[in-house]
Amino acid sequence: MTTGSTAEEAMRATCDALLRGDMMGALQELTPQAFNQAMSMAAETMTLPTPESYVVESHEESADGEHSFRVRFKTSSQDIVAEASWRQFDGVWKITAIAAQGLHG
């Protein structure tokens, strides 16, 4: 589980796990709803090379404490733009929604 004290620390720890190829570690950060969203993208993401780097393009916080990030991952074949929303549950940051653009080469 990600134990970052801020949403950005938790998000960066999960992105770093993806750079290491630790998909299972990243999946642990998903709420059930976000897990279902990730599974609907699974067929497309499994064929992609492991990301080589990432850049946080935006970070917004809503009045209700939800943090939304837009992150661009660079792979050897293409860029993938991921959008993820994070919320803290019992002191642990979790991804509540996830989407990606650029999955089709």
PDB file of N, CA and C in Angstrom:
ATOM      1  N   MET A   1       0.827  -1.192   0.000  1.00  0.00           N
ATOM      2  CA  MET A   1       0.000   0.000   0.000  1.00  0.00           C
ATOM      3  C   MET A   1       0.864   1.246   0.000  1.00  0.00           C
ATOM      4  N   THR A   2       0.405   2.251  -0.708  1.00  0.00           N
ATOM      5  CA  THR A   2       1.119   3.511  -0.737  1.00  0.00           C
ATOM      6  C   THR A   2       0.891   4.245   0.571  1.00  0.00           C
ATOM      7  N   THR A   3       1.967   4.678   1.164  1.00  0.00           N
ATOM      8  CA  THR A   3       1.853   5.357   2.450  1.00  0.00           C
ATOM      9  C   THR A   3       2.284   6.812   2.358  1.00  0.00           C
ATOM     10  N   GLY A   4       2.330   7.376   1.163  1.00  0.00           N
ATOM     11  CA  GLY A   4       2.705   8.772   1.014  1.00  0.00           C
ATOM     12  C   GLY A   4       1.810   9.663   1.841  1.00  0.00           C
ATOM     13  N   SER A   5       2.392  10.699   2.411  1.00  0.00           N
ATOM     14  CA  SER A   5       1.601  11.569   3.270  1.00  0.00           C
ATOM     15  C   SER A   5       0.744  12.538   2.475  1.00  0.00           C
ATOM     16  N   THR A   6       1.068  12.730   1.200  1.00  0.00           N
ATOM     17  CA  THR A   6       0.242  13.577   0.343  1.00  0.00           C
ATOM     18  C   THR A   6      -0.219  12.766  -0.859  1.00  0.00           C
ATOM     19  N   ALA A   7      -1.240  13.285  -1.520  1.00  0.00           N
ATOM     20  CA  ALA A   7      -1.726  12.615  -2.729  1.00  0.00           C
ATOM     21  C   ALA A   7      -0.633  12.558  -3.784  1.00  0.00           C
ATOM     22  N   GLU A   8       0.148  13.614  -3.911  1.00  0.00           N
ATOM     23  CA  GLU A   8       1.197  13.615  -4.935  1.00  0.00           C
ATOM     24  C   GLU A   8       2.283  12.595  -4.619  1.00  0.00           C
ATOM     25  N   GLU A   9       2.651  12.451  -3.344  1.00  0.00           N
ATOM     26  CA  GLU A   9       3.651  11.433  -2.986  1.00  0.00           C
ATOM     27  C   GLU A   9       3.137  10.038  -3.304  1.00  0.00           C
ATOM     28  N   ALA A  10       1.871   9.778  -3.004  1.00  0.00           N
ATOM     29  CA  ALA A  10       1.277   8.472  -3.289  1.00  0.00           C
ATOM     30  C   ALA A  10       1.231   8.227  -4.793  1.00  0.00           C
ATOM     31  N   MET A  11       0.831   9.260  -5.553  1.00  0.00           N
ATOM     32  CA  MET A  11       0.753   9.131  -7.002  1.00  0.00           C
ATOM     33  C   MET A  11       2.134   8.858  -7.588  1.00  0.00           C
ATOM     34  N   ARG A  12       3.151   9.588  -7.130  1.00  0.00           N
ATOM     35  CA  ARG A  12       4.505   9.397  -7.655  1.00  0.00           C
ATOM     36  C   ARG A  12       5.048   8.003  -7.291  1.00  0.00           C
ATOM     37  N   ALA A  13       4.732   7.517  -6.093  1.00  0.00           N
ATOM     38  CA  ALA A  13       5.178   6.176  -5.700  1.00  0.00           C
ATOM     39  C   ALA A  13       4.556   5.126  -6.619  1.00  0.00           C
ATOM     40  N   THR A  14       3.299   5.313  -6.977  1.00  0.00           N
ATOM     41  CA  THR A  14       2.636   4.377  -7.880  1.00  0.00           C
ATOM     42  C   THR A  14       3.214   4.480  -9.289  1.00  0.00           C
ATOM     43  N   CYS A  15       3.481   5.689  -9.764  1.00  0.00           N
ATOM     44  CA  CYS A  15       4.119   5.857 -11.081  1.00  0.00           C
ATOM     45  C   CYS A  15       5.500   5.211 -11.088  1.00  0.00           C
ATOM     46  N   ASP A  16       6.250   5.374  -9.999  1.00  0.00           N
ATOM     47  CA  ASP A  16       7.571   4.755  -9.909  1.00  0.00           C
ATOM     48  C   ASP A  16       7.461   3.232  -9.957  1.00  0.00           C
ATOM     49  N   ALA A  17       6.415   2.675  -9.325  1.00  0.00           N
ATOM     50  CA  ALA A  17       6.193   1.227  -9.382  1.00  0.00           C
ATOM     51  C   ALA A  17       5.955   0.783 -10.824  1.00  0.00           C
ATOM     52  N   LEU A  18       5.190   1.579 -11.574  1.00  0.00           N
ATOM     53  CA  LEU A  18       4.946   1.250 -12.984  1.00  0.00           C
ATOM     54  C   LEU A  18       6.238   1.284 -13.790  1.00  0.00           C
ATOM     55  N   LEU A  19       7.123   2.243 -13.494  1.00  0.00           N
ATOM     56  CA  LEU A  19       8.413   2.307 -14.199  1.00  0.00           C
ATOM     57  C   LEU A  19       9.256   1.077 -13.918  1.00  0.00           C
ATOM     58  N   ARG A  20       9.109   0.511 -12.725  1.00  0.00           N
ATOM     59  CA  ARG A  20       9.841  -0.718 -12.373  1.00  0.00           C
ATOM     60  C   ARG A  20       9.170  -1.964 -12.949  1.00  0.00           C
ATOM     61  N   GLY A  21       8.002  -1.790 -13.562  1.00  0.00           N
ATOM     62  CA  GLY A  21       7.266  -2.929 -14.096  1.00  0.00           C
ATOM     63  C   GLY A  21       6.429  -3.637 -13.043  1.00  0.00           C
ATOM     64  N   ASP A  22       6.210  -2.986 -11.909  1.00  0.00           N
ATOM     65  CA  ASP A  22       5.452  -3.569 -10.796  1.00  0.00           C
ATOM     66  C   ASP A  22       3.964  -3.261 -10.948  1.00  0.00           C
ATOM     67  N   MET A  23       3.334  -3.923 -11.903  1.00  0.00           N
ATOM     68  CA  MET A  23       1.913  -3.705 -12.157  1.00  0.00           C
ATOM     69  C   MET A  23       1.060  -4.125 -10.961  1.00  0.00           C
ATOM     70  N   MET A  24       1.431  -5.213 -10.300  1.00  0.00           N
ATOM     71  CA  MET A  24       0.644  -5.685  -9.153  1.00  0.00           C
ATOM     72  C   MET A  24       0.670  -4.658  -8.021  1.00  0.00           C
ATOM     73  N   GLY A  25       1.814  -4.047  -7.793  1.00  0.00           N
ATOM     74  CA  GLY A  25       1.907  -3.014  -6.766  1.00  0.00           C
ATOM     75  C   GLY A  25       1.004  -1.837  -7.091  1.00  0.00           C
ATOM     76  N   ALA A  26       0.978  -1.446  -8.354  1.00  0.00           N
ATOM     77  CA  ALA A  26       0.129  -0.330  -8.766  1.00  0.00           C
ATOM     78  C   ALA A  26      -1.349  -0.692  -8.627  1.00  0.00           C
ATOM     79  N   LEU A  27      -1.702  -1.922  -8.952  1.00  0.00           N
ATOM     80  CA  LEU A  27      -3.104  -2.344  -8.860  1.00  0.00           C
ATOM     81  C   LEU A  27      -3.620  -2.318  -7.424  1.00  0.00           C
ATOM     82  N   GLN A  28      -2.743  -2.493  -6.455  1.00  0.00           N
ATOM     83  CA  GLN A  28      -3.152  -2.479  -5.049  1.00  0.00           C
ATOM     84  C   GLN A  28      -3.678  -1.114  -4.618  1.00  0.00           C
ATOM     85  N   GLU A  29      -3.347  -0.082  -5.378  1.00  0.00           N
ATOM     86  CA  GLU A  29      -3.753   1.275  -5.014  1.00  0.00           C
ATOM     87  C   GLU A  29      -5.150   1.633  -5.505  1.00  0.00           C
ATOM     88  N   LEU A  30      -5.801   0.724  -6.216  1.00  0.00           N
ATOM     89  CA  LEU A  30      -7.098   1.008  -6.816  1.00  0.00           C
ATOM     90  C   LEU A  30      -8.260   0.647  -5.904  1.00  0.00           C
ATOM     91  N   THR A  31      -9.263   1.516  -5.868  1.00  0.00           N
ATOM     92  CA  THR A  31     -10.526   1.151  -5.232  1.00  0.00           C
ATOM     93  C   THR A  31     -11.225   0.156  -6.165  1.00  0.00           C
ATOM     94  N   PRO A  32     -12.253  -0.545  -5.695  1.00  0.00           N
ATOM     95  CA  PRO A  32     -12.949  -1.491  -6.579  1.00  0.00           C
ATOM     96  C   PRO A  32     -13.451  -0.856  -7.884  1.00  0.00           C
ATOM     97  N   GLN A  33     -13.993   0.352  -7.823  1.00  0.00           N
ATOM     98  CA  GLN A  33     -14.478   1.028  -9.031  1.00  0.00           C
ATOM     99  C   GLN A  33     -13.325   1.306  -9.983  1.00  0.00           C
ATOM    100  N   ALA A  34     -12.211   1.826  -9.475  1.00  0.00           N
ATOM    101  CA  ALA A  34     -11.065   2.107 -10.330  1.00  0.00           C
ATOM    102  C   ALA A  34     -10.455   0.816 -10.869  1.00  0.00           C
ATOM    103  N   PHE A  35     -10.485  -0.253 -10.083  1.00  0.00           N
ATOM    104  CA  PHE A  35      -9.983  -1.544 -10.546  1.00  0.00           C
ATOM    105  C   PHE A  35     -10.782  -2.004 -11.765  1.00  0.00           C
ATOM    106  N   ASN A  36     -12.110  -1.850 -11.702  1.00  0.00           N
ATOM    107  CA  ASN A  36     -12.950  -2.227 -12.846  1.00  0.00           C
ATOM    108  C   ASN A  36     -12.601  -1.396 -14.073  1.00  0.00           C
ATOM    109  N   GLN A  37     -12.331  -0.094 -13.881  1.00  0.00           N
ATOM    110  CA  GLN A  37     -11.938   0.759 -15.004  1.00  0.00           C
ATOM    111  C   GLN A  37     -10.604   0.283 -15.584  1.00  0.00           C
ATOM    112  N   ALA A  38      -9.667  -0.063 -14.710  1.00  0.00           N
ATOM    113  CA  ALA A  38      -8.357  -0.541 -15.162  1.00  0.00           C
ATOM    114  C   ALA A  38      -8.489  -1.859 -15.923  1.00  0.00           C
ATOM    115  N   MET A  39      -9.350  -2.731 -15.452  1.00  0.00           N
ATOM    116  CA  MET A  39      -9.530  -4.015 -16.125  1.00  0.00           C
ATOM    117  C   MET A  39     -10.127  -3.833 -17.515  1.00  0.00           C
ATOM    118  N   SER A  40     -10.956  -2.814 -17.702  1.00  0.00           N
ATOM    119  CA  SER A  40     -11.520  -2.579 -19.037  1.00  0.00           C
ATOM    120  C   SER A  40     -10.448  -2.089 -20.007  1.00  0.00           C
ATOM    121  N   MET A  41      -9.339  -1.560 -19.485  1.00  0.00           N
ATOM    122  CA  MET A  41      -8.226  -1.115 -20.326  1.00  0.00           C
ATOM    123  C   MET A  41      -7.120  -2.174 -20.408  1.00  0.00           C
ATOM    124  N   ALA A  42      -7.243  -3.259 -19.671  1.00  0.00           N
ATOM    125  CA  ALA A  42      -6.148  -4.225 -19.511  1.00  0.00           C
ATOM    126  C   ALA A  42      -5.640  -4.797 -20.823  1.00  0.00           C
ATOM    127  N   ALA A  43      -6.527  -5.172 -21.716  1.00  0.00           N
ATOM    128  CA  ALA A  43      -6.095  -5.788 -22.979  1.00  0.00           C
ATOM    129  C   ALA A  43      -5.190  -4.845 -23.763  1.00  0.00           C
ATOM    130  N   GLU A  44      -5.496  -3.560 -23.714  1.00  0.00           N
ATOM    131  CA  GLU A  44      -4.706  -2.588 -24.459  1.00  0.00           C
ATOM    132  C   GLU A  44      -3.386  -2.269 -23.756  1.00  0.00           C
ATOM    133  N   THR A  45      -3.384  -2.265 -22.429  1.00  0.00           N
ATOM    134  CA  THR A  45      -2.168  -1.890 -21.705  1.00  0.00           C
ATOM    135  C   THR A  45      -1.179  -3.035 -21.604  1.00  0.00           C
ATOM    136  N   MET A  46      -1.628  -4.272 -21.681  1.00  0.00           N
ATOM    137  CA  MET A  46      -0.723  -5.414 -21.535  1.00  0.00           C
ATOM    138  C   MET A  46       0.264  -5.513 -22.704  1.00  0.00           C
ATOM    139  N   THR A  47      -0.088  -4.968 -23.850  1.00  0.00           N
ATOM    140  CA  THR A  47       0.793  -5.055 -25.012  1.00  0.00           C
ATOM    141  C   THR A  47       1.777  -3.884 -25.089  1.00  0.00           C
ATOM    142  N   LEU A  48       1.645  -2.925 -24.199  1.00  0.00           N
ATOM    143  CA  LEU A  48       2.534  -1.761 -24.222  1.00  0.00           C
ATOM    144  C   LEU A  48       3.855  -2.064 -23.543  1.00  0.00           C
ATOM    145  N   PRO A  49       4.928  -1.434 -24.003  1.00  0.00           N
ATOM    146  CA  PRO A  49       6.198  -1.582 -23.301  1.00  0.00           C
ATOM    147  C   PRO A  49       6.126  -0.893 -21.935  1.00  0.00           C
ATOM    148  N   THR A  50       6.991  -1.305 -21.031  1.00  0.00           N
ATOM    149  CA  THR A  50       7.060  -0.667 -19.721  1.00  0.00           C
ATOM    150  C   THR A  50       7.434   0.801 -19.910  1.00  0.00           C
ATOM    151  N   PRO A  51       6.744   1.705 -19.216  1.00  0.00           N
ATOM    152  CA  PRO A  51       7.090   3.123 -19.337  1.00  0.00           C
ATOM    153  C   PRO A  51       8.546   3.373 -18.944  1.00  0.00           C
ATOM    154  N   GLU A  52       9.159   4.336 -19.624  1.00  0.00           N
ATOM    155  CA  GLU A  52      10.552   4.700 -19.352  1.00  0.00           C
ATOM    156  C   GLU A  52      10.654   5.918 -18.445  1.00  0.00           C
ATOM    157  N   SER A  53       9.643   6.786 -18.507  1.00  0.00           N
ATOM    158  CA  SER A  53       9.628   7.983 -17.675  1.00  0.00           C
ATOM    159  C   SER A  53       8.209   8.525 -17.631  1.00  0.00           C
ATOM    160  N   TYR A  54       8.000   9.499 -16.744  1.00  0.00           N
ATOM    161  CA  TYR A  54       6.698  10.156 -16.684  1.00  0.00           C
ATOM    162  C   TYR A  54       6.877  11.611 -16.283  1.00  0.00           C
ATOM    163  N   VAL A  55       5.877  12.413 -16.655  1.00  0.00           N
ATOM    164  CA  VAL A  55       5.833  13.825 -16.304  1.00  0.00           C
ATOM    165  C   VAL A  55       4.431  14.120 -15.793  1.00  0.00           C
ATOM    166  N   VAL A  56       4.333  14.781 -14.650  1.00  0.00           N
ATOM    167  CA  VAL A  56       3.036  15.210 -14.128  1.00  0.00           C
ATOM    168  C   VAL A  56       2.660  16.483 -14.875  1.00  0.00           C
ATOM    169  N   GLU A  57       1.592  16.409 -15.658  1.00  0.00           N
ATOM    170  CA  GLU A  57       1.175  17.560 -16.454  1.00  0.00           C
ATOM    171  C   GLU A  57       0.230  18.485 -15.694  1.00  0.00           C
ATOM    172  N   SER A  58      -0.564  17.916 -14.775  1.00  0.00           N
ATOM    173  CA  SER A  58      -1.454  18.759 -13.983  1.00  0.00           C
ATOM    174  C   SER A  58      -1.854  18.049 -12.702  1.00  0.00           C
ATOM    175  N   HIS A  59      -2.231  18.856 -11.713  1.00  0.00           N
ATOM    176  CA  HIS A  59      -2.706  18.366 -10.422  1.00  0.00           C
ATOM    177  C   HIS A  59      -3.716  19.385  -9.910  1.00  0.00           C
ATOM    178  N   GLU A  60      -4.928  18.910  -9.708  1.00  0.00           N
ATOM    179  CA  GLU A  60      -5.990  19.769  -9.184  1.00  0.00           C
ATOM    180  C   GLU A  60      -6.603  19.108  -7.968  1.00  0.00           C
ATOM    181  N   GLU A  61      -7.003  19.926  -7.004  1.00  0.00           N
ATOM    182  CA  GLU A  61      -7.691  19.413  -5.819  1.00  0.00           C
ATOM    183  C   GLU A  61      -9.079  20.018  -5.767  1.00  0.00           C
ATOM    184  N   SER A  62     -10.091  19.173  -5.603  1.00  0.00           N
ATOM    185  CA  SER A  62     -11.463  19.652  -5.518  1.00  0.00           C
ATOM    186  C   SER A  62     -11.787  20.026  -4.075  1.00  0.00           C
ATOM    187  N   ALA A  63     -12.889  20.700  -3.900  1.00  0.00           N
ATOM    188  CA  ALA A  63     -13.309  21.137  -2.571  1.00  0.00           C
ATOM    189  C   ALA A  63     -13.565  19.957  -1.639  1.00  0.00           C
ATOM    190  N   ASP A  64     -13.903  18.795  -2.192  1.00  0.00           N
ATOM    191  CA  ASP A  64     -14.191  17.631  -1.346  1.00  0.00           C
ATOM    192  C   ASP A  64     -12.958  16.774  -1.070  1.00  0.00           C
ATOM    193  N   GLY A  65     -11.774  17.259  -1.443  1.00  0.00           N
ATOM    194  CA  GLY A  65     -10.543  16.548  -1.106  1.00  0.00           C
ATOM    195  C   GLY A  65     -10.063  15.547  -2.132  1.00  0.00           C
ATOM    196  N   GLU A  66     -10.719  15.480  -3.286  1.00  0.00           N
ATOM    197  CA  GLU A  66     -10.278  14.574  -4.347  1.00  0.00           C
ATOM    198  C   GLU A  66      -9.163  15.266  -5.137  1.00  0.00           C
ATOM    199  N   HIS A  67      -8.097  14.531  -5.400  1.00  0.00           N
ATOM    200  CA  HIS A  67      -6.963  15.053  -6.159  1.00  0.00           C
ATOM    201  C   HIS A  67      -6.959  14.393  -7.530  1.00  0.00           C
ATOM    202  N   SER A  68      -6.928  15.212  -8.585  1.00  0.00           N
ATOM    203  CA  SER A  68      -6.911  14.702  -9.948  1.00  0.00           C
ATOM    204  C   SER A  68      -5.569  15.025 -10.584  1.00  0.00           C
ATOM    205  N   PHE A  69      -4.947  13.992 -11.139  1.00  0.00           N
ATOM    206  CA  PHE A  69      -3.645  14.128 -11.777  1.00  0.00           C
ATOM    207  C   PHE A  69      -3.755  13.739 -13.244  1.00  0.00           C
ATOM    208  N   ARG A  70      -2.970  14.427 -14.055  1.00  0.00           N
ATOM    209  CA  ARG A  70      -2.792  14.057 -15.461  1.00  0.00           C
ATOM    210  C   ARG A  70      -1.300  13.804 -15.613  1.00  0.00           C
ATOM    211  N   VAL A  71      -0.952  12.573 -16.000  1.00  0.00           N
ATOM    212  CA  VAL A  71       0.443  12.152 -16.089  1.00  0.00           C
ATOM    213  C   VAL A  71       0.717  11.599 -17.475  1.00  0.00           C
ATOM    214  N   ARG A  72       1.808  12.050 -18.093  1.00  0.00           N
ATOM    215  CA  ARG A  72       2.220  11.538 -19.398  1.00  0.00           C
ATOM    216  C   ARG A  72       3.358  10.551 -19.185  1.00  0.00           C
ATOM    217  N   PHE A  73       3.111   9.297 -19.592  1.00  0.00           N
ATOM    218  CA  PHE A  73       4.129   8.256 -19.536  1.00  0.00           C
ATOM    219  C   PHE A  73       4.761   8.128 -20.916  1.00  0.00           C
ATOM    220  N   LYS A  74       6.071   8.074 -20.970  1.00  0.00           N
ATOM    221  CA  LYS A  74       6.789   7.859 -22.230  1.00  0.00           C
ATOM    222  C   LYS A  74       7.201   6.392 -22.295  1.00  0.00           C
ATOM    223  N   THR A  75       6.890   5.752 -23.417  1.00  0.00           N
ATOM    224  CA  THR A  75       7.347   4.385 -23.658  1.00  0.00           C
ATOM    225  C   THR A  75       8.205   4.416 -24.923  1.00  0.00           C
ATOM    226  N   SER A  76       8.816   3.303 -25.237  1.00  0.00           N
ATOM    227  CA  SER A  76       9.661   3.241 -26.433  1.00  0.00           C
ATOM    228  C   SER A  76       8.851   3.382 -27.715  1.00  0.00           C
ATOM    229  N   SER A  77       7.537   3.164 -27.638  1.00  0.00           N
ATOM    230  CA  SER A  77       6.739   3.233 -28.857  1.00  0.00           C
ATOM    231  C   SER A  77       5.789   4.426 -28.921  1.00  0.00           C
ATOM    232  N   GLN A  78       5.333   4.934 -27.777  1.00  0.00           N
ATOM    233  CA  GLN A  78       4.336   6.010 -27.792  1.00  0.00           C
ATOM    234  C   GLN A  78       4.188   6.603 -26.399  1.00  0.00           C
ATOM    235  N   ASP A  79       3.509   7.749 -26.342  1.00  0.00           N
ATOM    236  CA  ASP A  79       3.171   8.355 -25.063  1.00  0.00           C
ATOM    237  C   ASP A  79       1.762   7.914 -24.661  1.00  0.00           C
ATOM    238  N   ILE A  80       1.585   7.701 -23.382  1.00  0.00           N
ATOM    239  CA  ILE A  80       0.281   7.386 -22.824  1.00  0.00           C
ATOM    240  C   ILE A  80      -0.037   8.470 -21.800  1.00  0.00           C
ATOM    241  N   VAL A  81      -1.213   9.070 -21.895  1.00  0.00           N
ATOM    242  CA  VAL A  81      -1.638  10.074 -20.931  1.00  0.00           C
ATOM    243  C   VAL A  81      -2.660   9.419 -20.009  1.00  0.00           C
ATOM    244  N   ALA A  82      -2.314   9.390 -18.733  1.00  0.00           N
ATOM    245  CA  ALA A  82      -3.205   8.796 -17.733  1.00  0.00           C
ATOM    246  C   ALA A  82      -3.815   9.895 -16.874  1.00  0.00           C
ATOM    247  N   GLU A  83      -5.072   9.719 -16.564  1.00  0.00           N
ATOM    248  CA  GLU A  83      -5.762  10.616 -15.645  1.00  0.00           C
ATOM    249  C   GLU A  83      -6.261   9.776 -14.498  1.00  0.00           C
ATOM    250  N   ALA A  84      -5.893  10.189 -13.288  1.00  0.00           N
ATOM    251  CA  ALA A  84      -6.283   9.416 -12.106  1.00  0.00           C
ATOM    252  C   ALA A  84      -6.730  10.366 -11.004  1.00  0.00           C
ATOM    253  N   SER A  85      -7.773   9.955 -10.310  1.00  0.00           N
ATOM    254  CA  SER A  85      -8.260  10.697  -9.151  1.00  0.00           C
ATOM    255  C   SER A  85      -7.919   9.914  -7.898  1.00  0.00           C
ATOM    256  N   TRP A  86      -7.444  10.626  -6.902  1.00  0.00           N
ATOM    257  CA  TRP A  86      -7.035  10.022  -5.636  1.00  0.00           C
ATOM    258  C   TRP A  86      -7.846  10.607  -4.494  1.00  0.00           C
ATOM    259  N   ARG A  87      -8.121   9.763  -3.500  1.00  0.00           N
ATOM    260  CA  ARG A  87      -8.813  10.201  -2.283  1.00  0.00           C
ATOM    261  C   ARG A  87      -8.240   9.398  -1.115  1.00  0.00           C
ATOM    262  N   GLN A  88      -8.218  10.016   0.038  1.00  0.00           N
ATOM    263  CA  GLN A  88      -7.685   9.337   1.216  1.00  0.00           C
ATOM    264  C   GLN A  88      -8.807   8.613   1.960  1.00  0.00           C
ATOM    265  N   PHE A  89      -8.545   7.331   2.277  1.00  0.00           N
ATOM    266  CA  PHE A  89      -9.472   6.491   3.037  1.00  0.00           C
ATOM    267  C   PHE A  89      -8.720   5.960   4.251  1.00  0.00           C
ATOM    268  N   ASP A  90      -9.180   6.284   5.436  1.00  0.00           N
ATOM    269  CA  ASP A  90      -8.546   5.802   6.669  1.00  0.00           C
ATOM    270  C   ASP A  90      -7.030   6.023   6.650  1.00  0.00           C
ATOM    271  N   GLY A  91      -6.610   7.188   6.176  1.00  0.00           N
ATOM    272  CA  GLY A  91      -5.198   7.538   6.178  1.00  0.00           C
ATOM    273  C   GLY A  91      -4.383   6.974   5.033  1.00  0.00           C
ATOM    274  N   VAL A  92      -5.025   6.284   4.088  1.00  0.00           N
ATOM    275  CA  VAL A  92      -4.318   5.678   2.954  1.00  0.00           C
ATOM    276  C   VAL A  92      -4.874   6.270   1.661  1.00  0.00           C
ATOM    277  N   TRP A  93      -3.981   6.727   0.787  1.00  0.00           N
ATOM    278  CA  TRP A  93      -4.398   7.267  -0.506  1.00  0.00           C
ATOM    279  C   TRP A  93      -4.719   6.130  -1.465  1.00  0.00           C
ATOM    280  N   LYS A  94      -5.864   6.248  -2.142  1.00  0.00           N
ATOM    281  CA  LYS A  94      -6.308   5.245  -3.114  1.00  0.00           C
ATOM    282  C   LYS A  94      -6.763   5.940  -4.388  1.00  0.00           C
ATOM    283  N   ILE A  95      -6.595   5.246  -5.513  1.00  0.00           N
ATOM    284  CA  ILE A  95      -7.084   5.743  -6.796  1.00  0.00           C
ATOM    285  C   ILE A  95      -8.569   5.418  -6.893  1.00  0.00           C
ATOM    286  N   THR A  96      -9.391   6.457  -7.116  1.00  0.00           N
ATOM    287  CA  THR A  96     -10.833   6.259  -7.192  1.00  0.00           C
ATOM    288  C   THR A  96     -11.350   6.210  -8.625  1.00  0.00           C
ATOM    289  N   ALA A  97     -10.573   6.727  -9.574  1.00  0.00           N
ATOM    290  CA  ALA A  97     -10.963   6.706 -10.991  1.00  0.00           C
ATOM    291  C   ALA A  97      -9.692   6.772 -11.814  1.00  0.00           C
ATOM    292  N   ILE A  98      -9.709   6.057 -12.955  1.00  0.00           N
ATOM    293  CA  ILE A  98      -8.536   6.039 -13.825  1.00  0.00           C
ATOM    294  C   ILE A  98      -8.984   5.937 -15.275  1.00  0.00           C
ATOM    295  N   ALA A  99      -8.267   6.641 -16.148  1.00  0.00           N
ATOM    296  CA  ALA A  99      -8.527   6.586 -17.583  1.00  0.00           C
ATOM    297  C   ALA A  99      -7.182   6.823 -18.285  1.00  0.00           C
ATOM    298  N   ALA A 100      -7.106   6.414 -19.536  1.00  0.00           N
ATOM    299  CA  ALA A 100      -5.866   6.614 -20.294  1.00  0.00           C
ATOM    300  C   ALA A 100      -6.199   6.952 -21.743  1.00  0.00           C
ATOM    301  N   GLN A 101      -5.334   7.790 -22.320  1.00  0.00           N
ATOM    302  CA  GLN A 101      -5.437   8.160 -23.734  1.00  0.00           C
ATOM    303  C   GLN A 101      -4.153   7.730 -24.414  1.00  0.00           C
ATOM    304  N   GLY A 102      -4.252   7.372 -25.673  1.00  0.00           N
ATOM    305  CA  GLY A 102      -3.068   7.010 -26.431  1.00  0.00           C
ATOM    306  C   GLY A 102      -2.732   5.539 -26.370  1.00  0.00           C
ATOM    307  N   LEU A 103      -3.692   4.714 -25.973  1.00  0.00           N
ATOM    308  CA  LEU A 103      -3.437   3.277 -25.875  1.00  0.00           C
ATOM    309  C   LEU A 103      -3.335   2.608 -27.235  1.00  0.00           C
ATOM    310  N   HIS A 104      -3.881   3.233 -28.226  1.00  0.00           N
ATOM    311  CA  HIS A 104      -3.842   2.658 -29.584  1.00  0.00           C
ATOM    312  C   HIS A 104      -2.685   3.289 -30.334  1.00  0.00           C
ATOM    313  N   GLY A 105      -1.637   2.477 -30.622  1.00  0.00           N
ATOM    314  CA  GLY A 105      -0.460   2.971 -31.300  1.00  0.00           C
ATOM    315  C   GLY A 105      -0.777   3.734 -32.509  1.00  0.00           C
TER     316      GLY A 105
END
